Amino acid sequence: MRKLSVFLIMAMLIVVSACSQEKAEKNESFVLVKGGTFTNTKSNYYGKSVTISDFYISKYEVTQKEWIEVMGKNPSQFKGDNLPVEMVSWYDAVEYCNKRSIKEGLQPYYKIDKNKIDPNNKSEYDNIKWTVTINAGANGYRLPTEAEWEYAASGGQMSKSYTYSGSNNADEVAWYWRNAGDKYLTGNWNWSIIENNRNKTKPVGVKKPNELGLYDMSGNVREWCWNWYGDLDSNSGSFRIVKGGGWIGDISNNEISFRGKFEASGIGPDQGFRVIRGE
């Protein structure tokens, strides 16, 4: 009887240890961003009455390994477990958020109605137009709003008002058209030169992080945000916001303040995302 009790205790300790290790691994891949107002003077939100609440954000762009674990198939043009997933639409990203939430026992943040055309989607080219609404109070994964993305990319309350996420020198923190290939390119942006230079995505977390320890918020792949492109508080539009620039883009696209746009149904080899959760 005593041997059985000892065995049960040891088994319980192994389970608790495994759970603790899994929790630690998940915590290590996310950073807590303490809320507040914008202190980065180069942000679109600096000087505006916008206050951000605390949230957790993934330290890295969603990798292909993370994508495959949730979605099964890998749509990326450039294959590699530690490369950011790309060739994913905004709809793919919100679906990933919900499926990952369910997989980890969290409440999905989005309500996705694939049979109802979104009346707020004004695009003439988007043939998907799912209606996606927010499940308020849910603790699952989601895309950052543009304001949350800029706040995190800026370094939150630790911001040093850098132009790019973590530096005033793009080459320190970003993969973009000049440095994402076989050799460093000079001159003007030119697609044939980029293609011949074999430019592509790079493994996440190689460049210098920003003030909060976040990687690749400038460069590598453009990152989907929740918001419509337009005024900072637009409730409708033809495009969703993309931030941070990518390996194809010019240096200006890497600026924290740069506001990119893309149809929600659009995909590209420089188009990925990262996820956040509430505290």
Protein backbone atom coordinates (compact mmCIF):
# COMPACT_ATOMS: atom_id res chain seq x y z
CA MET A 1 0.00 0.00 0.00
CA ARG A 2 2.86 2.30 0.90
CA LYS A 3 4.60 1.54 -2.41
CA LEU A 4 1.39 2.43 -4.28
CA SER A 5 1.12 5.77 -2.46
CA VAL A 6 4.72 6.64 -3.28
CA PHE A 7 4.10 5.73 -6.93
CA LEU A 8 1.00 7.96 -7.09
CA ILE A 9 2.85 10.89 -5.52
CA MET A 10 5.71 10.52 -8.00
CA ALA A 11 3.26 10.35 -10.91
CA MET A 12 1.52 13.53 -9.72
CA LEU A 13 4.86 15.33 -9.38
CA ILE A 14 5.78 14.37 -12.96
CA VAL A 15 2.44 15.72 -14.26
CA VAL A 16 2.77 18.97 -12.28
CA SER A 17 6.36 19.37 -13.48
CA ALA A 18 5.35 18.82 -17.11
CA CYS A 19 2.50 21.36 -16.82
CA SER A 20 4.80 23.88 -15.17
CA GLN A 21 7.40 23.40 -17.91
CA GLU A 22 4.76 23.83 -20.64
CA LYS A 23 3.47 27.00 -18.94
CA ALA A 24 7.01 28.36 -18.63
CA GLU A 25 7.71 27.68 -22.31
CA LYS A 26 4.54 29.53 -23.31
CA ASN A 27 5.37 32.45 -21.03
CA GLU A 28 8.86 32.69 -22.53
CA SER A 29 7.39 33.19 -26.00
CA PHE A 30 5.24 36.14 -24.88
CA VAL A 31 6.06 39.53 -23.41
CA LEU A 32 3.85 41.46 -21.00
CA VAL A 33 3.34 44.98 -22.30
CA LYS A 34 2.40 47.36 -19.49
CA GLY A 35 -0.21 49.83 -20.65
CA GLY A 36 -0.25 53.60 -20.72
CA THR A 37 -0.14 56.50 -23.16
CA PHE A 38 2.25 56.82 -26.09
CA THR A 39 5.70 58.22 -25.31
CA ASN A 40 7.31 57.56 -28.71
CA THR A 41 7.29 60.95 -30.42
CA LYS A 42 7.34 59.29 -33.86
CA SER A 43 4.15 57.25 -33.33
CA ASN A 44 0.91 58.17 -35.08
CA TYR A 45 -0.71 58.12 -31.64
CA TYR A 46 1.73 60.40 -29.83
CA GLY A 47 -0.07 63.36 -28.25
CA LYS A 48 -3.49 61.79 -28.77
CA SER A 49 -5.82 60.78 -25.95
CA VAL A 50 -5.22 57.06 -26.47
CA THR A 51 -4.48 54.83 -23.49
CA ILE A 52 -3.46 51.20 -23.98
CA SER A 53 -4.37 48.48 -21.48
CA ASP A 54 -1.90 45.77 -20.43
CA PHE A 55 -1.57 42.84 -22.85
CA TYR A 56 0.71 39.96 -23.78
CA ILE A 57 2.27 39.90 -27.25
CA SER A 58 4.23 37.14 -28.95
CA LYS A 59 7.96 37.82 -28.84
CA TYR A 60 8.28 36.60 -32.42
CA GLU A 61 6.18 36.54 -35.57
CA VAL A 62 4.12 33.33 -35.77
CA THR A 63 6.47 30.68 -37.11
CA GLN A 64 5.71 27.93 -39.59
CA LYS A 65 6.17 25.36 -36.83
CA GLU A 66 3.51 27.10 -34.71
CA TRP A 67 1.22 27.39 -37.73
CA ILE A 68 1.50 23.71 -38.67
CA GLU A 69 0.80 22.62 -35.07
CA VAL A 70 -2.56 24.40 -35.24
CA MET A 71 -3.57 24.44 -38.92
CA GLY A 72 -1.93 21.28 -40.25
CA LYS A 73 -0.71 22.58 -43.62
CA ASN A 74 2.03 25.08 -44.41
CA PRO A 75 1.15 27.71 -47.06
CA SER A 76 4.54 29.47 -46.95
CA GLN A 77 6.66 30.07 -50.04
CA PHE A 78 9.92 29.87 -48.08
CA LYS A 79 9.89 26.71 -45.94
CA GLY A 80 11.47 26.38 -42.50
CA ASP A 81 10.18 25.67 -38.98
CA ASN A 82 11.72 28.84 -37.54
CA LEU A 83 10.81 31.10 -40.45
CA PRO A 84 7.71 33.26 -40.10
CA VAL A 85 4.61 31.82 -41.72
CA GLU A 86 3.61 33.79 -44.83
CA MET A 87 1.18 33.57 -47.72
CA VAL A 88 -1.60 33.93 -45.13
CA SER A 89 -4.60 36.22 -45.46
CA TRP A 90 -6.22 38.24 -42.69
CA TYR A 91 -8.96 35.60 -42.59
CA ASP A 92 -6.35 32.86 -42.19
CA ALA A 93 -4.85 34.79 -39.28
CA VAL A 94 -8.11 35.24 -37.35
CA GLU A 95 -8.99 31.59 -37.95
CA TYR A 96 -5.58 30.59 -36.58
CA CYS A 97 -6.22 32.71 -33.49
CA ASN A 98 -9.48 30.88 -32.76
CA LYS A 99 -8.12 27.40 -33.47
CA ARG A 100 -5.05 27.97 -31.31
CA SER A 101 -7.28 29.30 -28.52
CA ILE A 102 -9.44 26.17 -28.63
CA LYS A 103 -6.35 23.93 -28.77
CA GLU A 104 -5.02 25.54 -25.59
CA GLY A 105 -8.34 25.55 -23.72
CA LEU A 106 -9.00 29.28 -24.14
CA GLN A 107 -12.19 31.02 -25.20
CA PRO A 108 -12.02 32.10 -28.87
CA TYR A 109 -11.84 35.86 -29.25
CA TYR A 110 -13.55 36.02 -32.63
CA LYS A 111 -16.99 35.08 -33.89
CA ILE A 112 -16.56 34.10 -37.54
CA ASP A 113 -19.63 33.88 -39.76
CA LYS A 114 -18.54 32.52 -43.14
CA ASN A 115 -22.07 32.67 -44.56
CA LYS A 116 -22.72 36.37 -43.94
CA ILE A 117 -21.08 39.05 -46.09
CA ASP A 118 -19.49 41.76 -43.97
CA PRO A 119 -21.36 45.02 -44.75
CA ASN A 120 -18.33 47.01 -43.56
CA ASN A 121 -16.04 45.48 -46.18
CA LYS A 122 -16.02 47.88 -49.13
CA SER A 123 -13.44 46.03 -51.25
CA GLU A 124 -14.42 45.17 -54.82
CA TYR A 125 -11.71 42.49 -55.02
CA ASP A 126 -12.17 40.59 -51.74
CA ASN A 127 -14.38 37.61 -52.62
CA ILE A 128 -14.41 36.17 -49.09
CA LYS A 129 -15.83 38.94 -46.87
CA TRP A 130 -16.58 36.80 -43.81
CA THR A 131 -18.26 38.69 -41.02
CA VAL A 132 -15.83 38.66 -38.09
CA THR A 133 -16.87 40.17 -34.78
CA ILE A 134 -15.33 40.26 -31.31
CA ASN A 135 -16.34 37.99 -28.46
CA ALA A 136 -15.89 40.61 -25.73
CA GLY A 137 -14.19 39.34 -22.60
CA ALA A 138 -12.77 36.19 -24.24
CA ASN A 139 -9.24 35.26 -23.16
CA GLY A 140 -8.14 33.74 -26.46
CA TYR A 141 -5.57 34.85 -29.00
CA ARG A 142 -6.21 37.74 -31.35
CA LEU A 143 -4.57 40.17 -33.73
CA PRO A 144 -3.31 43.43 -32.25
CA THR A 145 -5.09 46.65 -33.05
CA GLU A 146 -2.95 49.17 -34.89
CA ALA A 147 -2.60 51.18 -31.68
CA GLU A 148 -1.50 48.11 -29.70
CA TRP A 149 0.95 47.15 -32.42
CA GLU A 150 2.51 50.63 -32.53
CA TYR A 151 2.66 50.82 -28.74
CA ALA A 152 4.50 47.49 -28.50
CA ALA A 153 6.76 48.23 -31.48
CA SER A 154 7.59 51.59 -29.90
CA GLY A 155 8.73 49.95 -26.68
CA GLY A 156 5.69 50.87 -24.60
CA GLN A 157 6.63 52.91 -21.53
CA MET A 158 10.30 52.05 -22.12
CA SER A 159 10.31 53.76 -25.52
CA LYS A 160 13.38 55.66 -26.67
CA SER A 161 11.45 57.18 -29.59
CA TYR A 162 13.26 55.17 -32.24
CA THR A 163 12.17 55.43 -35.87
CA TYR A 164 12.24 51.65 -36.27
CA SER A 165 11.32 49.08 -33.65
CA GLY A 166 14.41 49.06 -31.43
CA SER A 167 16.76 51.35 -33.33
CA ASN A 168 17.23 54.38 -35.56
CA ASN A 169 19.31 52.11 -37.82
CA ALA A 170 17.06 49.75 -39.80
CA ASP A 171 19.90 47.31 -40.50
CA GLU A 172 20.21 46.57 -36.77
CA VAL A 173 16.62 45.43 -36.35
CA ALA A 174 15.00 44.76 -39.73
CA TRP A 175 15.19 42.45 -42.73
CA TYR A 176 14.19 44.51 -45.76
CA TRP A 177 15.03 44.68 -49.46
CA ARG A 178 18.63 45.82 -49.05
CA ASN A 179 19.83 43.16 -46.55
CA ALA A 180 17.54 40.13 -46.96
CA GLY A 181 19.47 38.40 -49.73
CA ASP A 182 22.88 37.11 -50.74
CA LYS A 183 24.53 40.54 -50.58
CA TYR A 184 23.72 44.05 -49.39
CA LEU A 185 21.95 45.98 -52.15
CA THR A 186 22.44 49.66 -52.99
CA GLY A 187 20.75 52.08 -55.35
CA ASN A 188 17.01 52.28 -55.90
CA TRP A 189 14.41 49.60 -55.14
CA ASN A 190 14.15 47.22 -58.08
CA TRP A 191 12.25 43.94 -58.11
CA SER A 192 14.47 42.14 -60.63
CA ILE A 193 17.55 42.99 -58.55
CA ILE A 194 15.80 41.75 -55.38
CA GLU A 195 14.78 38.51 -57.09
CA ASN A 196 18.28 37.89 -58.48
CA ASN A 197 19.71 38.54 -55.02
CA ARG A 198 17.54 35.67 -53.69
CA ASN A 199 15.93 37.81 -51.03
CA LYS A 200 13.61 35.95 -48.65
CA THR A 201 12.34 35.71 -45.09
CA LYS A 202 14.82 35.03 -42.28
CA PRO A 203 14.52 32.98 -39.05
CA VAL A 204 12.72 34.91 -36.34
CA GLY A 205 14.72 36.55 -33.56
CA VAL A 206 18.04 37.01 -35.37
CA LYS A 207 18.19 40.81 -35.39
CA LYS A 208 18.36 43.05 -32.32
CA PRO A 209 15.12 43.22 -30.23
CA ASN A 210 13.35 46.42 -29.25
CA GLU A 211 13.12 47.92 -25.75
CA LEU A 212 10.56 45.29 -24.66
CA GLY A 213 12.48 42.32 -26.06
CA LEU A 214 10.29 41.97 -29.17
CA TYR A 215 11.87 40.84 -32.43
CA ASP A 216 11.20 41.62 -36.10
CA MET A 217 8.51 44.22 -35.54
CA SER A 218 10.36 46.10 -38.25
CA GLY A 219 11.02 43.98 -41.34
CA ASN A 220 10.96 40.25 -42.18
CA VAL A 221 7.20 39.98 -42.85
CA ARG A 222 4.42 42.56 -42.76
CA GLU A 223 2.07 41.93 -39.86
CA TRP A 224 -1.73 41.89 -40.01
CA CYS A 225 -3.62 44.10 -37.56
CA TRP A 226 -7.30 44.06 -36.67
CA ASN A 227 -8.17 47.52 -37.97
CA TRP A 228 -9.51 48.79 -41.27
CA TYR A 229 -7.21 51.14 -43.19
CA GLY A 230 -8.44 54.73 -43.08
CA ASP A 231 -8.77 57.12 -40.18
CA LEU A 232 -7.24 55.79 -36.96
CA ASP A 233 -10.70 54.76 -35.74
CA SER A 234 -12.32 53.60 -39.02
CA ASN A 235 -15.10 51.00 -38.68
CA SER A 236 -15.15 50.04 -42.36
CA GLY A 237 -12.98 50.07 -45.45
CA SER A 238 -11.49 48.19 -48.38
CA PHE A 239 -8.23 47.18 -46.71
CA ARG A 240 -6.92 45.92 -43.37
CA ILE A 241 -3.86 47.49 -41.75
CA VAL A 242 -0.45 45.84 -42.10
CA LYS A 243 2.51 47.09 -40.07
CA GLY A 244 6.26 46.80 -39.89
CA GLY A 245 7.25 46.23 -43.50
CA GLY A 246 8.87 43.08 -44.87
CA TRP A 247 11.82 41.63 -46.72
CA ILE A 248 10.55 42.98 -50.06
CA GLY A 249 9.76 46.51 -48.89
CA ASP A 250 11.73 49.73 -48.83
CA ILE A 251 13.27 51.09 -45.63
CA SER A 252 10.40 53.55 -45.05
CA ASN A 253 8.00 50.60 -44.65
CA ASN A 254 9.96 49.51 -41.57
CA GLU A 255 9.15 52.71 -39.69
CA ILE A 256 6.87 52.25 -36.67
CA SER A 257 4.55 54.95 -38.01
CA PHE A 258 4.22 53.47 -41.52
CA ARG A 259 0.63 52.45 -42.29
CA GLY A 260 0.48 49.66 -44.84
CA LYS A 261 -2.73 48.28 -46.33
CA PHE A 262 -3.80 45.02 -47.92
CA GLU A 263 -7.12 43.42 -48.86
CA ALA A 264 -8.17 41.00 -46.11
CA SER A 265 -8.14 38.19 -48.68
CA GLY A 266 -4.67 39.13 -49.91
CA ILE A 267 -1.64 36.87 -49.49
CA GLY A 268 2.05 37.32 -50.21
CA PRO A 269 5.46 35.81 -49.39
CA ASP A 270 6.11 38.84 -47.16
CA GLN A 271 2.77 38.74 -45.33
CA GLY A 272 2.53 37.23 -41.82
CA PHE A 273 1.44 38.22 -38.32
CA ARG A 274 1.91 37.89 -34.58
CA VAL A 275 -0.70 37.36 -31.88
CA ILE A 276 -1.61 38.95 -28.57
CA ARG A 277 -3.73 38.10 -25.52
CA GLY A 278 -5.19 40.09 -22.66
CA GLU A 279 -3.39 40.07 -19.34
